[in-house]
């Protein structure tokens, strides 16, 4: 059975993409990461939106159009909800 945190992480598009990339680089499955590692990655993805100088922050600021801004806002809400639910978990 899949851990709840992994299931919930897969609901966040950007977090899923990020975890897919790093698991491919690490030659492992996403489920192999600890809860703490998944939470740290979620925090990192949020920082891409909240810190300037990234394409994510440009989307959130509306510099890539209204549709991209709506998508960035939706993704940021999903990530924050994920952290509210799982952010205090530890291995």
C-alpha atoms as a PDB file:
ATOM      1  CA  UNK A   1       0.000   0.000   0.000  1.00  0.00           C
ATOM      2  CA  UNK A   2       1.280   3.450  -0.923  1.00  0.00           C
ATOM      3  CA  UNK A   3       2.052   5.840   1.922  1.00  0.00           C
ATOM      4  CA  UNK A   4      -0.415   8.707   2.238  1.00  0.00           C
ATOM      5  CA  UNK A   5       2.308  11.338   1.890  1.00  0.00           C
ATOM      6  CA  UNK A   6       3.436   9.849  -1.436  1.00  0.00           C
ATOM      7  CA  UNK A   7      -0.161   9.681  -2.668  1.00  0.00           C
ATOM      8  CA  UNK A   8      -0.751  13.316  -1.678  1.00  0.00           C
ATOM      9  CA  UNK A   9       2.555  14.462  -3.199  1.00  0.00           C
ATOM     10  CA  UNK A  10       1.481  13.013  -6.543  1.00  0.00           C
ATOM     11  CA  UNK A  11      -1.562  15.320  -6.478  1.00  0.00           C
ATOM     12  CA  UNK A  12       0.713  18.385  -6.626  1.00  0.00           C
ATOM     13  CA  UNK A  13       1.802  18.702 -10.234  1.00  0.00           C
ATOM     14  CA  UNK A  14       5.093  20.538  -9.717  1.00  0.00           C
ATOM     15  CA  UNK A  15       6.039  18.420  -6.710  1.00  0.00           C
ATOM     16  CA  UNK A  16       5.324  15.281  -8.698  1.00  0.00           C
ATOM     17  CA  UNK A  17       7.509  16.535 -11.572  1.00  0.00           C
ATOM     18  CA  UNK A  18      10.305  17.443  -9.191  1.00  0.00           C
ATOM     19  CA  UNK A  19      10.177  14.095  -7.396  1.00  0.00           C
ATOM     20  CA  UNK A  20      10.102  12.288 -10.750  1.00  0.00           C
ATOM     21  CA  UNK A  21      13.260  14.120 -11.848  1.00  0.00           C
ATOM     22  CA  UNK A  22      15.223  13.501  -8.684  1.00  0.00           C
ATOM     23  CA  UNK A  23      14.135   9.867  -8.380  1.00  0.00           C
ATOM     24  CA  UNK A  24      15.264   9.314 -11.966  1.00  0.00           C
ATOM     25  CA  UNK A  25      18.617  10.941 -11.167  1.00  0.00           C
ATOM     26  CA  UNK A  26      18.920   8.876  -7.982  1.00  0.00           C
ATOM     27  CA  UNK A  27      17.786   5.700  -9.784  1.00  0.00           C
ATOM     28  CA  UNK A  28      15.082   4.949  -7.224  1.00  0.00           C
ATOM     29  CA  UNK A  29      11.338   5.117  -6.737  1.00  0.00           C
ATOM     30  CA  UNK A  30       9.575   8.125  -5.226  1.00  0.00           C
ATOM     31  CA  UNK A  31       8.239   5.853  -2.476  1.00  0.00           C
ATOM     32  CA  UNK A  32      11.861   5.174  -1.444  1.00  0.00           C
ATOM     33  CA  UNK A  33      12.215   8.746  -0.157  1.00  0.00           C
ATOM     34  CA  UNK A  34      11.527   9.407   3.500  1.00  0.00           C
ATOM     35  CA  UNK A  35       8.698  11.661   4.589  1.00  0.00           C
ATOM     36  CA  UNK A  36      11.262  14.294   5.571  1.00  0.00           C
ATOM     37  CA  UNK A  37      12.833  14.221   2.117  1.00  0.00           C
ATOM     38  CA  UNK A  38       9.454  14.623   0.412  1.00  0.00           C
ATOM     39  CA  UNK A  39       8.543  17.512   2.705  1.00  0.00           C
ATOM     40  CA  UNK A  40      11.902  19.175   2.034  1.00  0.00           C
ATOM     41  CA  UNK A  41      11.295  18.876  -1.697  1.00  0.00           C
ATOM     42  CA  UNK A  42       7.830  20.429  -1.313  1.00  0.00           C
ATOM     43  CA  UNK A  43       9.390  23.353   0.551  1.00  0.00           C
ATOM     44  CA  UNK A  44      11.976  23.717  -2.210  1.00  0.00           C
ATOM     45  CA  UNK A  45       9.281  23.790  -4.914  1.00  0.00           C
ATOM     46  CA  UNK A  46       7.384  26.457  -2.955  1.00  0.00           C
ATOM     47  CA  UNK A  47      10.584  28.519  -2.822  1.00  0.00           C
ATOM     48  CA  UNK A  48      10.700  28.457  -6.635  1.00  0.00           C
ATOM     49  CA  UNK A  49       7.430  30.404  -6.598  1.00  0.00           C
ATOM     50  CA  UNK A  50       8.190  32.735  -3.704  1.00  0.00           C
ATOM     51  CA  UNK A  51      11.794  33.703  -4.436  1.00  0.00           C
ATOM     52  CA  UNK A  52      12.472  35.991  -7.367  1.00  0.00           C
ATOM     53  CA  UNK A  53      14.442  35.102 -10.449  1.00  0.00           C
ATOM     54  CA  UNK A  54      12.768  31.834 -11.400  1.00  0.00           C
ATOM     55  CA  UNK A  55      10.309  31.017 -14.141  1.00  0.00           C
ATOM     56  CA  UNK A  56       7.892  29.892 -11.416  1.00  0.00           C
ATOM     57  CA  UNK A  57       7.994  33.305  -9.730  1.00  0.00           C
ATOM     58  CA  UNK A  58       7.488  34.998 -13.097  1.00  0.00           C
ATOM     59  CA  UNK A  59       4.404  32.863 -13.659  1.00  0.00           C
ATOM     60  CA  UNK A  60       3.079  33.762 -10.202  1.00  0.00           C
ATOM     61  CA  UNK A  61       3.717  37.458 -10.849  1.00  0.00           C
ATOM     62  CA  UNK A  62       1.716  37.293 -14.071  1.00  0.00           C
ATOM     63  CA  UNK A  63       4.621  38.001 -16.411  1.00  0.00           C
ATOM     64  CA  UNK A  64       3.782  34.894 -18.457  1.00  0.00           C
ATOM     65  CA  UNK A  65       0.101  35.688 -18.889  1.00  0.00           C
ATOM     66  CA  UNK A  66      -3.061  35.321 -16.861  1.00  0.00           C
ATOM     67  CA  UNK A  67      -3.502  31.595 -17.575  1.00  0.00           C
ATOM     68  CA  UNK A  68       0.008  30.851 -16.291  1.00  0.00           C
ATOM     69  CA  UNK A  69      -0.606  33.027 -13.257  1.00  0.00           C
ATOM     70  CA  UNK A  70      -3.805  31.122 -12.402  1.00  0.00           C
ATOM     71  CA  UNK A  71      -1.938  27.825 -12.796  1.00  0.00           C
ATOM     72  CA  UNK A  72       0.911  29.030 -10.556  1.00  0.00           C
ATOM     73  CA  UNK A  73      -1.532  30.209  -7.881  1.00  0.00           C
ATOM     74  CA  UNK A  74      -3.365  26.875  -7.990  1.00  0.00           C
ATOM     75  CA  UNK A  75      -0.122  24.937  -7.690  1.00  0.00           C
ATOM     76  CA  UNK A  76       1.089  27.083  -4.801  1.00  0.00           C
ATOM     77  CA  UNK A  77      -2.231  26.514  -2.970  1.00  0.00           C
ATOM     78  CA  UNK A  78      -1.856  22.749  -3.499  1.00  0.00           C
ATOM     79  CA  UNK A  79       1.698  22.787  -2.168  1.00  0.00           C
ATOM     80  CA  UNK A  80       0.755  24.825   0.893  1.00  0.00           C
ATOM     81  CA  UNK A  81      -2.163  22.476   1.614  1.00  0.00           C
ATOM     82  CA  UNK A  82       0.224  19.531   1.286  1.00  0.00           C
ATOM     83  CA  UNK A  83       2.580  21.098   3.836  1.00  0.00           C
ATOM     84  CA  UNK A  84      -0.263  21.941   6.217  1.00  0.00           C
ATOM     85  CA  UNK A  85      -1.208  18.273   6.165  1.00  0.00           C
ATOM     86  CA  UNK A  86       2.256  16.703   6.202  1.00  0.00           C
ATOM     87  CA  UNK A  87       4.728  19.432   7.187  1.00  0.00           C
ATOM     88  CA  UNK A  88       5.178  18.400  10.782  1.00  0.00           C
ATOM     89  CA  UNK A  89       5.691  14.725  10.091  1.00  0.00           C
ATOM     90  CA  UNK A  90       9.046  13.200  10.849  1.00  0.00           C
ATOM     91  CA  UNK A  91      10.500   9.784  10.179  1.00  0.00           C
END
